[in-house]
Amino acid sequence: MHTVELILTNESGLHARPASLFVQEAGKYQSDIVIIKEGKEYNGKSIIGILSMGAVKEDRITLLIDGEDEKEAGEGLSRLIEAQFYE
């Protein structure tokens, strides 16, 4: 299990376009990806799950990644978030 803690710094948080980009990136990996926000778990490969999270700028999220490519998934998703979803 690989754990990554991040703070959303893009203006729109994980809404519409950023959520779609997150799901696209997460879908590249075999590992299971769970996002934890305020103690609740969300499927990191589900656009509906991510949108229901209501994550906004400055929210802290934790990614729990489990599988054979967990480190690569953590790095790829971290890069995407740190690049502010290329906004």
N, C-alpha and C. Protein backbone atom coordinates (compact mmCIF):
# COMPACT_ATOMS: atom_id res chain seq x y z
N MET A 1 0.85 -1.18 0.00
CA MET A 1 0.00 0.00 0.00
C MET A 1 0.89 1.24 0.00
N HIS A 2 0.57 2.14 -0.91
CA HIS A 2 1.32 3.40 -1.04
C HIS A 2 0.37 4.54 -0.67
N THR A 3 0.83 5.47 0.16
CA THR A 3 0.00 6.58 0.62
C THR A 3 0.65 7.90 0.19
N VAL A 4 -0.18 8.80 -0.34
CA VAL A 4 0.29 10.12 -0.76
C VAL A 4 -0.67 11.16 -0.18
N GLU A 5 -0.12 12.16 0.49
CA GLU A 5 -0.95 13.25 1.00
C GLU A 5 -0.68 14.49 0.17
N LEU A 6 -1.76 15.15 -0.26
CA LEU A 6 -1.65 16.30 -1.14
C LEU A 6 -2.63 17.38 -0.74
N ILE A 7 -2.32 18.61 -1.15
CA ILE A 7 -3.24 19.73 -0.98
C ILE A 7 -3.59 20.24 -2.37
N LEU A 8 -4.87 20.39 -2.64
CA LEU A 8 -5.30 20.91 -3.94
C LEU A 8 -5.01 22.40 -4.01
N THR A 9 -4.29 22.80 -5.05
CA THR A 9 -3.91 24.21 -5.18
C THR A 9 -4.52 24.89 -6.40
N ASN A 10 -5.19 24.12 -7.25
CA ASN A 10 -5.81 24.73 -8.42
C ASN A 10 -7.10 25.42 -8.01
N GLU A 11 -7.52 26.41 -8.79
CA GLU A 11 -8.66 27.25 -8.43
C GLU A 11 -9.97 26.48 -8.30
N SER A 12 -10.21 25.49 -9.15
CA SER A 12 -11.52 24.82 -9.15
C SER A 12 -11.56 23.52 -8.35
N GLY A 13 -10.46 23.14 -7.70
CA GLY A 13 -10.46 21.90 -6.93
C GLY A 13 -10.66 20.70 -7.85
N LEU A 14 -11.38 19.70 -7.37
CA LEU A 14 -11.63 18.50 -8.18
C LEU A 14 -13.05 18.54 -8.75
N HIS A 15 -13.28 19.49 -9.62
CA HIS A 15 -14.58 19.62 -10.27
C HIS A 15 -14.41 19.43 -11.78
N ALA A 16 -15.43 18.94 -12.43
CA ALA A 16 -15.53 18.76 -13.89
C ALA A 16 -14.20 18.39 -14.57
N ARG A 17 -13.53 19.34 -15.19
CA ARG A 17 -12.34 19.05 -15.98
C ARG A 17 -11.23 18.42 -15.13
N PRO A 18 -10.86 18.98 -13.97
CA PRO A 18 -9.81 18.33 -13.18
C PRO A 18 -10.19 16.91 -12.73
N ALA A 19 -11.44 16.70 -12.39
CA ALA A 19 -11.87 15.35 -11.99
C ALA A 19 -11.73 14.38 -13.15
N SER A 20 -12.10 14.85 -14.34
CA SER A 20 -11.97 14.01 -15.53
C SER A 20 -10.51 13.66 -15.81
N LEU A 21 -9.63 14.64 -15.67
CA LEU A 21 -8.20 14.38 -15.86
C LEU A 21 -7.66 13.40 -14.81
N PHE A 22 -8.15 13.53 -13.58
CA PHE A 22 -7.71 12.63 -12.52
C PHE A 22 -8.12 11.20 -12.85
N VAL A 23 -9.38 11.01 -13.27
CA VAL A 23 -9.88 9.67 -13.59
C VAL A 23 -9.12 9.09 -14.79
N GLN A 24 -8.82 9.93 -15.78
CA GLN A 24 -8.05 9.45 -16.94
C GLN A 24 -6.67 8.97 -16.50
N GLU A 25 -6.02 9.74 -15.65
CA GLU A 25 -4.68 9.34 -15.16
C GLU A 25 -4.78 8.08 -14.30
N ALA A 26 -5.75 8.03 -13.40
CA ALA A 26 -5.92 6.86 -12.53
C ALA A 26 -6.19 5.60 -13.34
N GLY A 27 -6.90 5.74 -14.45
CA GLY A 27 -7.25 4.60 -15.29
C GLY A 27 -6.05 3.98 -15.99
N LYS A 28 -4.93 4.65 -16.01
CA LYS A 28 -3.72 4.12 -16.64
C LYS A 28 -3.06 3.04 -15.79
N TYR A 29 -3.49 2.92 -14.54
CA TYR A 29 -2.81 2.01 -13.60
C TYR A 29 -3.72 0.86 -13.18
N GLN A 30 -3.10 -0.27 -12.89
CA GLN A 30 -3.83 -1.46 -12.44
C GLN A 30 -4.23 -1.35 -10.97
N SER A 31 -3.49 -0.57 -10.22
CA SER A 31 -3.71 -0.47 -8.77
C SER A 31 -5.09 0.10 -8.44
N ASP A 32 -5.59 -0.29 -7.27
CA ASP A 32 -6.81 0.32 -6.73
C ASP A 32 -6.42 1.67 -6.14
N ILE A 33 -7.26 2.68 -6.39
CA ILE A 33 -6.96 4.03 -5.92
C ILE A 33 -8.16 4.55 -5.14
N VAL A 34 -7.91 4.90 -3.90
CA VAL A 34 -8.94 5.45 -3.02
C VAL A 34 -8.50 6.84 -2.59
N ILE A 35 -9.43 7.79 -2.65
CA ILE A 35 -9.15 9.14 -2.18
C ILE A 35 -9.86 9.31 -0.84
N ILE A 36 -9.15 9.82 0.15
CA ILE A 36 -9.77 10.09 1.45
C ILE A 36 -9.78 11.60 1.67
N LYS A 37 -10.97 12.10 1.96
CA LYS A 37 -11.14 13.52 2.27
C LYS A 37 -12.05 13.61 3.48
N GLU A 38 -11.56 14.24 4.52
CA GLU A 38 -12.32 14.42 5.76
C GLU A 38 -12.89 13.10 6.28
N GLY A 39 -12.06 12.05 6.22
CA GLY A 39 -12.43 10.76 6.77
C GLY A 39 -13.32 9.89 5.90
N LYS A 40 -13.76 10.41 4.76
CA LYS A 40 -14.61 9.62 3.85
C LYS A 40 -13.78 9.14 2.68
N GLU A 41 -14.12 7.93 2.20
CA GLU A 41 -13.38 7.31 1.10
C GLU A 41 -14.17 7.42 -0.21
N TYR A 42 -13.43 7.67 -1.30
CA TYR A 42 -14.02 7.80 -2.63
C TYR A 42 -13.19 7.01 -3.62
N ASN A 43 -13.84 6.41 -4.59
CA ASN A 43 -13.16 5.64 -5.63
C ASN A 43 -12.44 6.59 -6.56
N GLY A 44 -11.13 6.49 -6.65
CA GLY A 44 -10.32 7.38 -7.47
C GLY A 44 -10.43 7.12 -8.96
N LYS A 45 -11.16 6.07 -9.35
CA LYS A 45 -11.34 5.79 -10.77
C LYS A 45 -12.78 6.06 -11.21
N SER A 46 -13.56 6.71 -10.35
CA SER A 46 -14.97 6.99 -10.64
C SER A 46 -15.20 8.50 -10.69
N ILE A 47 -15.61 9.00 -11.85
CA ILE A 47 -15.87 10.43 -11.98
C ILE A 47 -16.99 10.86 -11.03
N ILE A 48 -18.01 10.03 -10.88
CA ILE A 48 -19.12 10.35 -9.97
C ILE A 48 -18.62 10.41 -8.53
N GLY A 49 -17.79 9.46 -8.16
CA GLY A 49 -17.24 9.44 -6.81
C GLY A 49 -16.42 10.69 -6.52
N ILE A 50 -15.60 11.07 -7.47
CA ILE A 50 -14.74 12.25 -7.27
C ILE A 50 -15.58 13.52 -7.22
N LEU A 51 -16.55 13.65 -8.11
CA LEU A 51 -17.39 14.84 -8.10
C LEU A 51 -18.21 14.94 -6.82
N SER A 52 -18.64 13.80 -6.28
CA SER A 52 -19.45 13.81 -5.06
C SER A 52 -18.63 14.23 -3.84
N MET A 53 -17.31 14.19 -3.97
CA MET A 53 -16.42 14.57 -2.89
C MET A 53 -16.51 16.07 -2.60
N GLY A 54 -16.75 16.87 -3.63
CA GLY A 54 -16.85 18.32 -3.45
C GLY A 54 -15.54 18.95 -3.01
N ALA A 55 -14.42 18.46 -3.51
CA ALA A 55 -13.11 18.98 -3.11
C ALA A 55 -12.84 20.32 -3.77
N VAL A 56 -12.41 21.28 -2.96
CA VAL A 56 -12.13 22.63 -3.45
C VAL A 56 -10.68 23.00 -3.15
N LYS A 57 -10.27 24.15 -3.65
CA LYS A 57 -8.91 24.64 -3.45
C LYS A 57 -8.57 24.64 -1.96
N GLU A 58 -7.36 24.22 -1.65
CA GLU A 58 -6.81 24.14 -0.29
C GLU A 58 -7.29 22.92 0.51
N ASP A 59 -8.15 22.07 -0.08
CA ASP A 59 -8.53 20.84 0.61
C ASP A 59 -7.35 19.89 0.64
N ARG A 60 -7.22 19.16 1.73
CA ARG A 60 -6.18 18.14 1.88
C ARG A 60 -6.82 16.79 1.56
N ILE A 61 -6.18 16.04 0.67
CA ILE A 61 -6.65 14.70 0.34
C ILE A 61 -5.51 13.71 0.54
N THR A 62 -5.89 12.47 0.77
CA THR A 62 -4.93 11.38 0.88
C THR A 62 -5.27 10.34 -0.16
N LEU A 63 -4.28 9.90 -0.91
CA LEU A 63 -4.46 8.83 -1.88
C LEU A 63 -3.93 7.54 -1.28
N LEU A 64 -4.77 6.52 -1.25
CA LEU A 64 -4.35 5.18 -0.85
C LEU A 64 -4.32 4.34 -2.12
N ILE A 65 -3.15 3.87 -2.47
CA ILE A 65 -2.97 3.16 -3.73
C ILE A 65 -2.42 1.78 -3.41
N ASP A 66 -3.09 0.76 -3.94
CA ASP A 66 -2.70 -0.61 -3.64
C ASP A 66 -2.66 -1.43 -4.92
N GLY A 67 -1.49 -1.96 -5.24
CA GLY A 67 -1.36 -2.80 -6.42
C GLY A 67 0.08 -2.84 -6.90
N GLU A 68 0.28 -3.55 -7.99
CA GLU A 68 1.65 -3.77 -8.48
C GLU A 68 2.31 -2.50 -9.01
N ASP A 69 1.53 -1.52 -9.46
CA ASP A 69 2.11 -0.27 -9.97
C ASP A 69 1.76 0.92 -9.08
N GLU A 70 1.64 0.67 -7.78
CA GLU A 70 1.18 1.70 -6.84
C GLU A 70 2.11 2.92 -6.78
N LYS A 71 3.41 2.70 -6.83
CA LYS A 71 4.32 3.84 -6.75
C LYS A 71 4.24 4.69 -8.00
N GLU A 72 4.16 4.05 -9.17
CA GLU A 72 4.03 4.79 -10.42
C GLU A 72 2.72 5.58 -10.43
N ALA A 73 1.65 4.97 -9.94
CA ALA A 73 0.36 5.65 -9.88
C ALA A 73 0.44 6.86 -8.96
N GLY A 74 1.07 6.70 -7.82
CA GLY A 74 1.23 7.80 -6.88
C GLY A 74 2.01 8.95 -7.48
N GLU A 75 3.07 8.62 -8.21
CA GLU A 75 3.88 9.65 -8.85
C GLU A 75 3.10 10.37 -9.94
N GLY A 76 2.39 9.61 -10.77
CA GLY A 76 1.62 10.21 -11.87
C GLY A 76 0.51 11.11 -11.37
N LEU A 77 -0.23 10.65 -10.38
CA LEU A 77 -1.33 11.46 -9.83
C LEU A 77 -0.81 12.67 -9.07
N SER A 78 0.30 12.51 -8.38
CA SER A 78 0.91 13.64 -7.67
C SER A 78 1.35 14.72 -8.65
N ARG A 79 1.98 14.29 -9.75
CA ARG A 79 2.42 15.26 -10.77
C ARG A 79 1.24 16.04 -11.31
N LEU A 80 0.14 15.34 -11.58
CA LEU A 80 -1.06 15.99 -12.12
C LEU A 80 -1.60 17.04 -11.15
N ILE A 81 -1.70 16.68 -9.89
CA ILE A 81 -2.22 17.61 -8.89
C ILE A 81 -1.25 18.77 -8.67
N GLU A 82 0.04 18.48 -8.57
CA GLU A 82 1.04 19.52 -8.36
C GLU A 82 1.13 20.47 -9.55
N ALA A 83 0.80 20.00 -10.75
CA ALA A 83 0.77 20.85 -11.95
C ALA A 83 -0.55 21.61 -12.06
N GLN A 84 -1.38 21.52 -11.04
CA GLN A 84 -2.68 22.18 -10.97
C GLN A 84 -3.57 21.80 -12.15
N PHE A 85 -3.47 20.52 -12.56
CA PHE A 85 -4.29 19.99 -13.66
C PHE A 85 -4.10 20.79 -14.94
N TYR A 86 -2.94 21.39 -15.08
CA TYR A 86 -2.56 22.16 -16.27
C TYR A 86 -3.54 23.29 -16.58
N GLU A 87 -4.09 23.89 -15.52
CA GLU A 87 -5.03 25.00 -15.73
C GLU A 87 -4.28 26.27 -16.04
